[in-house]
N, C-alpha and C. Protein backbone atom coordinates (compact mmCIF):
# COMPACT_ATOMS: atom_id res chain seq x y z
N UNK A 1 -189.35 -3.08 -129.61
CA UNK A 1 -187.97 -3.12 -129.21
C UNK A 1 -187.73 -4.42 -128.45
N UNK A 2 -186.59 -5.00 -128.66
CA UNK A 2 -186.27 -6.29 -128.04
C UNK A 2 -185.82 -6.11 -126.59
N UNK A 3 -185.95 -7.19 -125.83
CA UNK A 3 -185.62 -7.16 -124.39
C UNK A 3 -184.20 -6.70 -124.10
N UNK A 4 -183.17 -7.19 -124.82
CA UNK A 4 -181.81 -6.70 -124.51
C UNK A 4 -181.66 -5.19 -124.75
N UNK A 5 -182.35 -4.67 -125.75
CA UNK A 5 -182.29 -3.23 -126.01
C UNK A 5 -182.96 -2.46 -124.88
N UNK A 6 -184.12 -2.95 -124.43
CA UNK A 6 -184.79 -2.31 -123.30
C UNK A 6 -183.94 -2.40 -122.03
N UNK A 7 -183.27 -3.52 -121.84
CA UNK A 7 -182.42 -3.67 -120.66
C UNK A 7 -181.27 -2.66 -120.69
N UNK A 8 -180.69 -2.46 -121.86
CA UNK A 8 -179.58 -1.49 -122.00
C UNK A 8 -180.07 -0.08 -121.72
N UNK A 9 -181.19 0.28 -122.35
CA UNK A 9 -181.73 1.62 -122.11
C UNK A 9 -182.19 1.79 -120.66
N UNK A 10 -182.76 0.73 -120.10
CA UNK A 10 -183.17 0.78 -118.70
C UNK A 10 -181.99 0.95 -117.77
N UNK A 11 -180.88 0.31 -118.11
CA UNK A 11 -179.67 0.45 -117.29
C UNK A 11 -179.13 1.88 -117.34
N UNK A 12 -179.12 2.45 -118.53
CA UNK A 12 -178.63 3.84 -118.68
C UNK A 12 -179.54 4.80 -117.93
N UNK A 13 -180.86 4.65 -118.14
CA UNK A 13 -181.82 5.53 -117.47
C UNK A 13 -181.72 5.36 -115.96
N UNK A 14 -181.62 4.13 -115.49
CA UNK A 14 -181.55 3.87 -114.05
C UNK A 14 -180.29 4.47 -113.44
N UNK A 15 -179.19 4.34 -114.13
CA UNK A 15 -177.93 4.90 -113.63
C UNK A 15 -178.03 6.43 -113.52
N UNK A 16 -178.55 7.06 -114.56
CA UNK A 16 -178.72 8.52 -114.52
C UNK A 16 -179.68 8.95 -113.41
N UNK A 17 -180.77 8.22 -113.26
CA UNK A 17 -181.76 8.56 -112.23
C UNK A 17 -181.21 8.35 -110.83
N UNK A 18 -180.45 7.29 -110.63
CA UNK A 18 -179.87 7.03 -109.31
C UNK A 18 -178.94 8.17 -108.91
N UNK A 19 -178.18 8.72 -109.88
CA UNK A 19 -177.28 9.82 -109.56
C UNK A 19 -177.99 11.16 -109.48
N UNK A 20 -179.17 11.27 -110.08
CA UNK A 20 -179.91 12.53 -110.11
C UNK A 20 -180.85 12.69 -108.92
N UNK A 21 -181.51 11.62 -108.54
CA UNK A 21 -182.50 11.66 -107.45
C UNK A 21 -181.80 11.55 -106.10
N UNK A 22 -182.47 12.02 -105.06
CA UNK A 22 -181.86 11.94 -103.72
C UNK A 22 -181.93 10.52 -103.15
N UNK A 23 -180.95 9.71 -103.52
CA UNK A 23 -180.81 8.35 -103.00
C UNK A 23 -179.59 8.37 -102.10
N UNK A 24 -179.80 8.06 -100.82
CA UNK A 24 -178.74 8.32 -99.85
C UNK A 24 -177.80 7.14 -99.59
N UNK A 25 -178.26 5.94 -99.74
CA UNK A 25 -177.47 4.77 -99.36
C UNK A 25 -177.04 4.00 -100.61
N UNK A 26 -175.78 3.60 -100.70
CA UNK A 26 -175.33 2.84 -101.89
C UNK A 26 -176.15 1.57 -102.15
N UNK A 27 -176.56 0.89 -101.10
CA UNK A 27 -177.38 -0.32 -101.28
C UNK A 27 -178.73 0.05 -101.92
N UNK A 28 -179.31 1.15 -101.47
CA UNK A 28 -180.57 1.60 -102.06
C UNK A 28 -180.38 1.94 -103.53
N UNK A 29 -179.29 2.56 -103.87
CA UNK A 29 -178.99 2.89 -105.27
C UNK A 29 -178.84 1.62 -106.10
N UNK A 30 -178.17 0.62 -105.56
CA UNK A 30 -177.98 -0.65 -106.28
C UNK A 30 -179.32 -1.36 -106.49
N UNK A 31 -180.16 -1.36 -105.47
CA UNK A 31 -181.47 -2.00 -105.58
C UNK A 31 -182.33 -1.26 -106.60
N UNK A 32 -182.31 0.07 -106.55
CA UNK A 32 -183.06 0.86 -107.54
C UNK A 32 -182.56 0.60 -108.95
N UNK A 33 -181.26 0.52 -109.12
CA UNK A 33 -180.70 0.24 -110.43
C UNK A 33 -181.21 -1.10 -110.96
N UNK A 34 -181.15 -2.14 -110.14
CA UNK A 34 -181.62 -3.47 -110.55
C UNK A 34 -183.12 -3.43 -110.84
N UNK A 35 -183.88 -2.75 -110.00
CA UNK A 35 -185.32 -2.61 -110.20
C UNK A 35 -185.60 -1.92 -111.54
N UNK A 36 -184.85 -0.88 -111.86
CA UNK A 36 -185.05 -0.15 -113.11
C UNK A 36 -184.79 -1.00 -114.34
N UNK A 37 -183.73 -1.80 -114.29
CA UNK A 37 -183.42 -2.68 -115.42
C UNK A 37 -184.51 -3.73 -115.58
N UNK A 38 -184.91 -4.35 -114.48
CA UNK A 38 -185.97 -5.36 -114.54
C UNK A 38 -187.29 -4.76 -115.00
N UNK A 39 -187.63 -3.59 -114.48
CA UNK A 39 -188.87 -2.92 -114.88
C UNK A 39 -188.88 -2.61 -116.37
N UNK A 40 -187.75 -2.16 -116.88
CA UNK A 40 -187.69 -1.77 -118.29
C UNK A 40 -187.87 -2.97 -119.22
N UNK A 41 -187.60 -4.17 -118.74
CA UNK A 41 -187.79 -5.38 -119.54
C UNK A 41 -189.16 -6.00 -119.26
N UNK A 42 -189.49 -6.18 -118.00
CA UNK A 42 -190.68 -6.95 -117.65
C UNK A 42 -191.99 -6.17 -117.74
N UNK A 43 -191.94 -4.88 -117.94
CA UNK A 43 -193.18 -4.15 -118.20
C UNK A 43 -193.81 -4.65 -119.49
N UNK A 44 -193.01 -5.26 -120.35
CA UNK A 44 -193.52 -5.80 -121.61
C UNK A 44 -194.38 -7.05 -121.43
N UNK A 45 -194.47 -7.58 -120.24
CA UNK A 45 -195.36 -8.73 -120.02
C UNK A 45 -196.82 -8.37 -120.27
N UNK A 46 -197.13 -7.08 -120.20
CA UNK A 46 -198.51 -6.68 -120.50
C UNK A 46 -198.89 -6.94 -121.95
N UNK A 47 -197.91 -7.15 -122.81
CA UNK A 47 -198.19 -7.48 -124.21
C UNK A 47 -199.00 -8.77 -124.32
N UNK A 48 -198.77 -9.68 -123.39
CA UNK A 48 -199.49 -10.95 -123.43
C UNK A 48 -200.96 -10.78 -123.11
N UNK A 49 -201.27 -9.84 -122.24
CA UNK A 49 -202.68 -9.55 -121.95
C UNK A 49 -203.34 -8.93 -123.18
N UNK A 50 -202.65 -8.03 -123.83
CA UNK A 50 -203.18 -7.41 -125.06
C UNK A 50 -203.33 -8.46 -126.15
N UNK A 51 -202.34 -9.33 -126.31
CA UNK A 51 -202.44 -10.39 -127.31
C UNK A 51 -203.59 -11.33 -126.99
N UNK A 52 -203.81 -11.62 -125.72
CA UNK A 52 -204.94 -12.47 -125.30
C UNK A 52 -206.25 -11.83 -125.71
N UNK A 53 -206.36 -10.54 -125.52
CA UNK A 53 -207.57 -9.80 -125.90
C UNK A 53 -207.84 -9.93 -127.40
N UNK A 54 -206.80 -9.79 -128.20
CA UNK A 54 -206.97 -9.82 -129.67
C UNK A 54 -207.08 -11.24 -130.23
N UNK A 55 -206.34 -12.19 -129.66
CA UNK A 55 -206.34 -13.55 -130.20
C UNK A 55 -207.46 -14.41 -129.62
N UNK A 56 -207.92 -14.05 -128.42
CA UNK A 56 -208.98 -14.82 -127.80
C UNK A 56 -208.48 -16.00 -126.98
N UNK A 57 -207.18 -16.16 -126.89
CA UNK A 57 -206.63 -17.26 -126.07
C UNK A 57 -205.24 -16.86 -125.59
N UNK A 58 -204.68 -17.71 -124.75
CA UNK A 58 -203.37 -17.45 -124.15
C UNK A 58 -202.25 -18.17 -124.90
N UNK A 59 -202.45 -18.51 -126.16
CA UNK A 59 -201.47 -19.31 -126.90
C UNK A 59 -200.10 -18.64 -126.99
N UNK A 60 -200.06 -17.33 -127.10
CA UNK A 60 -198.77 -16.62 -127.20
C UNK A 60 -197.99 -16.75 -125.90
N UNK A 61 -198.68 -16.59 -124.78
CA UNK A 61 -198.03 -16.73 -123.48
C UNK A 61 -197.60 -18.17 -123.25
N UNK A 62 -198.47 -19.13 -123.56
CA UNK A 62 -198.13 -20.54 -123.38
C UNK A 62 -196.88 -20.91 -124.16
N UNK A 63 -196.78 -20.42 -125.39
CA UNK A 63 -195.62 -20.75 -126.23
C UNK A 63 -194.33 -20.23 -125.58
N UNK A 64 -194.38 -19.02 -125.06
CA UNK A 64 -193.18 -18.43 -124.44
C UNK A 64 -192.82 -19.09 -123.12
N UNK A 65 -193.83 -19.47 -122.35
CA UNK A 65 -193.57 -20.12 -121.07
C UNK A 65 -192.99 -21.51 -121.29
N UNK A 66 -193.49 -22.22 -122.28
CA UNK A 66 -192.99 -23.57 -122.54
C UNK A 66 -191.66 -23.57 -123.30
N UNK A 67 -191.35 -22.45 -123.95
CA UNK A 67 -190.09 -22.35 -124.70
C UNK A 67 -189.46 -20.98 -124.47
N UNK A 68 -188.85 -20.76 -123.29
CA UNK A 68 -188.27 -19.45 -122.97
C UNK A 68 -187.19 -19.00 -123.94
N UNK A 69 -186.46 -19.94 -124.51
CA UNK A 69 -185.43 -19.57 -125.49
C UNK A 69 -186.10 -18.87 -126.68
N UNK A 70 -187.21 -19.42 -127.15
CA UNK A 70 -187.98 -18.80 -128.23
C UNK A 70 -188.39 -17.39 -127.84
N UNK A 71 -188.85 -17.22 -126.61
CA UNK A 71 -189.34 -15.93 -126.15
C UNK A 71 -188.28 -14.83 -126.24
N UNK A 72 -187.02 -15.20 -126.04
CA UNK A 72 -185.96 -14.19 -126.05
C UNK A 72 -185.18 -14.14 -127.36
N UNK A 73 -185.23 -15.21 -128.15
CA UNK A 73 -184.44 -15.22 -129.38
C UNK A 73 -185.25 -14.96 -130.63
N UNK A 74 -186.55 -15.18 -130.57
CA UNK A 74 -187.42 -15.01 -131.74
C UNK A 74 -188.54 -14.01 -131.43
N UNK A 75 -188.18 -12.88 -130.86
CA UNK A 75 -189.19 -11.95 -130.38
C UNK A 75 -190.09 -11.39 -131.49
N UNK A 76 -189.61 -11.40 -132.72
CA UNK A 76 -190.43 -10.90 -133.83
C UNK A 76 -191.61 -11.83 -134.09
N UNK A 77 -191.51 -13.09 -133.67
CA UNK A 77 -192.55 -14.08 -133.95
C UNK A 77 -193.44 -14.38 -132.74
N UNK A 78 -193.17 -13.78 -131.60
CA UNK A 78 -193.92 -14.10 -130.38
C UNK A 78 -195.41 -13.84 -130.56
N UNK A 79 -195.77 -12.75 -131.21
CA UNK A 79 -197.19 -12.39 -131.35
C UNK A 79 -197.69 -12.61 -132.77
N UNK A 80 -197.17 -13.63 -133.40
CA UNK A 80 -197.58 -13.97 -134.76
C UNK A 80 -199.09 -14.23 -134.80
N UNK A 81 -199.74 -13.68 -135.81
CA UNK A 81 -201.18 -13.87 -135.96
C UNK A 81 -202.01 -12.74 -135.38
N UNK A 82 -201.37 -11.82 -134.65
CA UNK A 82 -202.07 -10.66 -134.09
C UNK A 82 -201.71 -9.45 -134.94
N UNK A 83 -202.69 -8.63 -135.30
CA UNK A 83 -202.46 -7.44 -136.12
C UNK A 83 -201.41 -6.55 -135.44
N UNK A 84 -200.30 -6.35 -136.11
CA UNK A 84 -199.16 -5.65 -135.53
C UNK A 84 -199.48 -4.19 -135.18
N UNK A 85 -200.13 -3.47 -136.06
CA UNK A 85 -200.41 -2.05 -135.80
C UNK A 85 -201.33 -1.88 -134.59
N UNK A 86 -202.36 -2.71 -134.53
CA UNK A 86 -203.28 -2.63 -133.39
C UNK A 86 -202.56 -3.01 -132.10
N UNK A 87 -201.75 -4.06 -132.17
CA UNK A 87 -200.99 -4.48 -131.00
C UNK A 87 -200.06 -3.36 -130.52
N UNK A 88 -199.40 -2.66 -131.45
CA UNK A 88 -198.49 -1.58 -131.08
C UNK A 88 -199.22 -0.48 -130.30
N UNK A 89 -200.37 -0.07 -130.80
CA UNK A 89 -201.13 1.00 -130.13
C UNK A 89 -201.63 0.53 -128.77
N UNK A 90 -202.18 -0.66 -128.71
CA UNK A 90 -202.75 -1.15 -127.46
C UNK A 90 -201.68 -1.47 -126.42
N UNK A 91 -200.52 -1.93 -126.85
CA UNK A 91 -199.48 -2.21 -125.85
C UNK A 91 -198.93 -0.92 -125.27
N UNK A 92 -198.84 0.14 -126.08
CA UNK A 92 -198.38 1.42 -125.55
C UNK A 92 -199.41 1.99 -124.58
N UNK A 93 -200.68 1.84 -124.92
CA UNK A 93 -201.74 2.27 -124.00
C UNK A 93 -201.65 1.47 -122.70
N UNK A 94 -201.42 0.19 -122.81
CA UNK A 94 -201.28 -0.67 -121.64
C UNK A 94 -200.10 -0.23 -120.78
N UNK A 95 -198.97 0.08 -121.42
CA UNK A 95 -197.80 0.58 -120.67
C UNK A 95 -198.17 1.84 -119.89
N UNK A 96 -198.89 2.74 -120.53
CA UNK A 96 -199.25 3.99 -119.86
C UNK A 96 -200.22 3.76 -118.70
N UNK A 97 -201.17 2.85 -118.88
CA UNK A 97 -202.12 2.55 -117.80
C UNK A 97 -201.44 1.86 -116.63
N UNK A 98 -200.65 0.85 -116.92
CA UNK A 98 -199.93 0.12 -115.87
C UNK A 98 -198.92 1.04 -115.20
N UNK A 99 -198.15 1.75 -116.01
CA UNK A 99 -197.14 2.66 -115.47
C UNK A 99 -197.76 3.77 -114.64
N UNK A 100 -198.84 4.34 -115.12
CA UNK A 100 -199.51 5.41 -114.37
C UNK A 100 -200.01 4.92 -113.02
N UNK A 101 -200.60 3.74 -112.99
CA UNK A 101 -201.09 3.17 -111.73
C UNK A 101 -199.93 2.88 -110.78
N UNK A 102 -198.84 2.33 -111.31
CA UNK A 102 -197.67 2.02 -110.48
C UNK A 102 -197.06 3.29 -109.91
N UNK A 103 -196.91 4.31 -110.75
CA UNK A 103 -196.34 5.58 -110.28
C UNK A 103 -197.25 6.23 -109.24
N UNK A 104 -198.55 6.22 -109.47
CA UNK A 104 -199.48 6.81 -108.52
C UNK A 104 -199.42 6.09 -107.17
N UNK A 105 -199.37 4.76 -107.21
CA UNK A 105 -199.30 3.99 -105.96
C UNK A 105 -197.99 4.28 -105.22
N UNK A 106 -196.89 4.32 -105.94
CA UNK A 106 -195.61 4.61 -105.31
C UNK A 106 -195.56 6.03 -104.75
N UNK A 107 -196.20 6.96 -105.42
CA UNK A 107 -196.20 8.36 -104.98
C UNK A 107 -196.81 8.51 -103.59
N UNK A 108 -197.72 7.63 -103.25
CA UNK A 108 -198.35 7.69 -101.93
C UNK A 108 -197.38 7.33 -100.81
N UNK A 109 -196.42 6.46 -101.11
CA UNK A 109 -195.53 5.94 -100.07
C UNK A 109 -194.08 6.38 -100.21
N UNK A 110 -193.62 6.52 -101.44
CA UNK A 110 -192.21 6.84 -101.68
C UNK A 110 -192.09 7.68 -102.95
N UNK A 111 -192.28 8.99 -102.85
CA UNK A 111 -192.25 9.85 -104.04
C UNK A 111 -190.98 9.73 -104.88
N UNK A 112 -189.83 9.50 -104.25
CA UNK A 112 -188.59 9.36 -105.01
C UNK A 112 -188.65 8.11 -105.89
N UNK A 113 -189.21 7.03 -105.35
CA UNK A 113 -189.34 5.80 -106.14
C UNK A 113 -190.36 5.99 -107.26
N UNK A 114 -191.38 6.79 -107.01
CA UNK A 114 -192.36 7.09 -108.06
C UNK A 114 -191.70 7.85 -109.20
N UNK A 115 -190.87 8.83 -108.87
CA UNK A 115 -190.14 9.58 -109.90
C UNK A 115 -189.19 8.68 -110.67
N UNK A 116 -188.51 7.81 -109.95
CA UNK A 116 -187.59 6.86 -110.59
C UNK A 116 -188.35 5.96 -111.57
N UNK A 117 -189.46 5.41 -111.11
CA UNK A 117 -190.29 4.53 -111.95
C UNK A 117 -190.81 5.27 -113.16
N UNK A 118 -191.28 6.48 -112.97
CA UNK A 118 -191.79 7.28 -114.08
C UNK A 118 -190.69 7.54 -115.11
N UNK A 119 -189.48 7.82 -114.64
CA UNK A 119 -188.37 8.07 -115.55
C UNK A 119 -188.01 6.85 -116.38
N UNK A 120 -187.93 5.69 -115.73
CA UNK A 120 -187.59 4.45 -116.44
C UNK A 120 -188.67 4.11 -117.46
N UNK A 121 -189.94 4.22 -117.06
CA UNK A 121 -191.03 3.90 -117.98
C UNK A 121 -191.13 4.91 -119.12
N UNK A 122 -190.81 6.15 -118.85
CA UNK A 122 -190.80 7.17 -119.91
C UNK A 122 -189.79 6.78 -121.00
N UNK A 123 -188.60 6.40 -120.59
CA UNK A 123 -187.57 5.98 -121.55
C UNK A 123 -188.05 4.76 -122.32
N UNK A 124 -188.69 3.82 -121.65
CA UNK A 124 -189.19 2.61 -122.30
C UNK A 124 -190.22 2.95 -123.38
N UNK A 125 -191.19 3.78 -123.04
CA UNK A 125 -192.26 4.12 -124.00
C UNK A 125 -191.71 4.94 -125.16
N UNK A 126 -190.83 5.87 -124.89
CA UNK A 126 -190.23 6.66 -125.98
C UNK A 126 -189.43 5.74 -126.91
N UNK A 127 -188.70 4.80 -126.34
CA UNK A 127 -187.94 3.85 -127.17
C UNK A 127 -188.88 3.03 -128.05
N UNK A 128 -190.00 2.59 -127.48
CA UNK A 128 -190.98 1.84 -128.27
C UNK A 128 -191.54 2.70 -129.40
N UNK A 129 -191.86 3.94 -129.10
CA UNK A 129 -192.40 4.84 -130.13
C UNK A 129 -191.38 5.10 -131.24
N UNK A 130 -190.13 5.30 -130.86
CA UNK A 130 -189.08 5.51 -131.86
C UNK A 130 -188.92 4.29 -132.75
N UNK A 131 -188.98 3.10 -132.17
CA UNK A 131 -188.84 1.88 -132.95
C UNK A 131 -190.08 1.67 -133.83
N UNK A 132 -191.27 1.87 -133.27
CA UNK A 132 -192.50 1.69 -134.05
C UNK A 132 -192.57 2.66 -135.21
N UNK A 133 -192.06 3.88 -134.99
CA UNK A 133 -192.05 4.88 -136.05
C UNK A 133 -190.87 4.75 -137.00
N UNK A 134 -190.08 3.70 -136.79
CA UNK A 134 -188.90 3.41 -137.61
C UNK A 134 -187.93 4.60 -137.63
N UNK A 135 -187.82 5.26 -136.49
CA UNK A 135 -186.90 6.38 -136.34
C UNK A 135 -185.56 5.89 -135.78
N UNK A 136 -185.64 4.91 -134.90
CA UNK A 136 -184.41 4.34 -134.30
C UNK A 136 -184.51 2.84 -134.23
């Protein structure tokens, strides 16, 4: 799924979660909303670690860092040369590992934020699965 699509879904999920969870201050709700949108997009940075593992170098990350327009406009070509099916499975596993660790760490200090994070990441992973399965 492309970054703008994840941002849209992240915004919807964040808005629903902000109104559902016990968030008491409007500023806190606004910060959580922004965090949710950013999280729903930037959790995909783990794809570069997975691509590094499969390609043996950081060429995919270097290309995107040196040409950010390419990174956002040609997302189908960002991981060119890496087996797509393997990348799909490993990136979802990576999302679950990173997300699980983040949620567990937040649960120790701020359970509401952990629930919020879990909700946003759940929507992200389900969206990826729906797209990978050519359902949506």
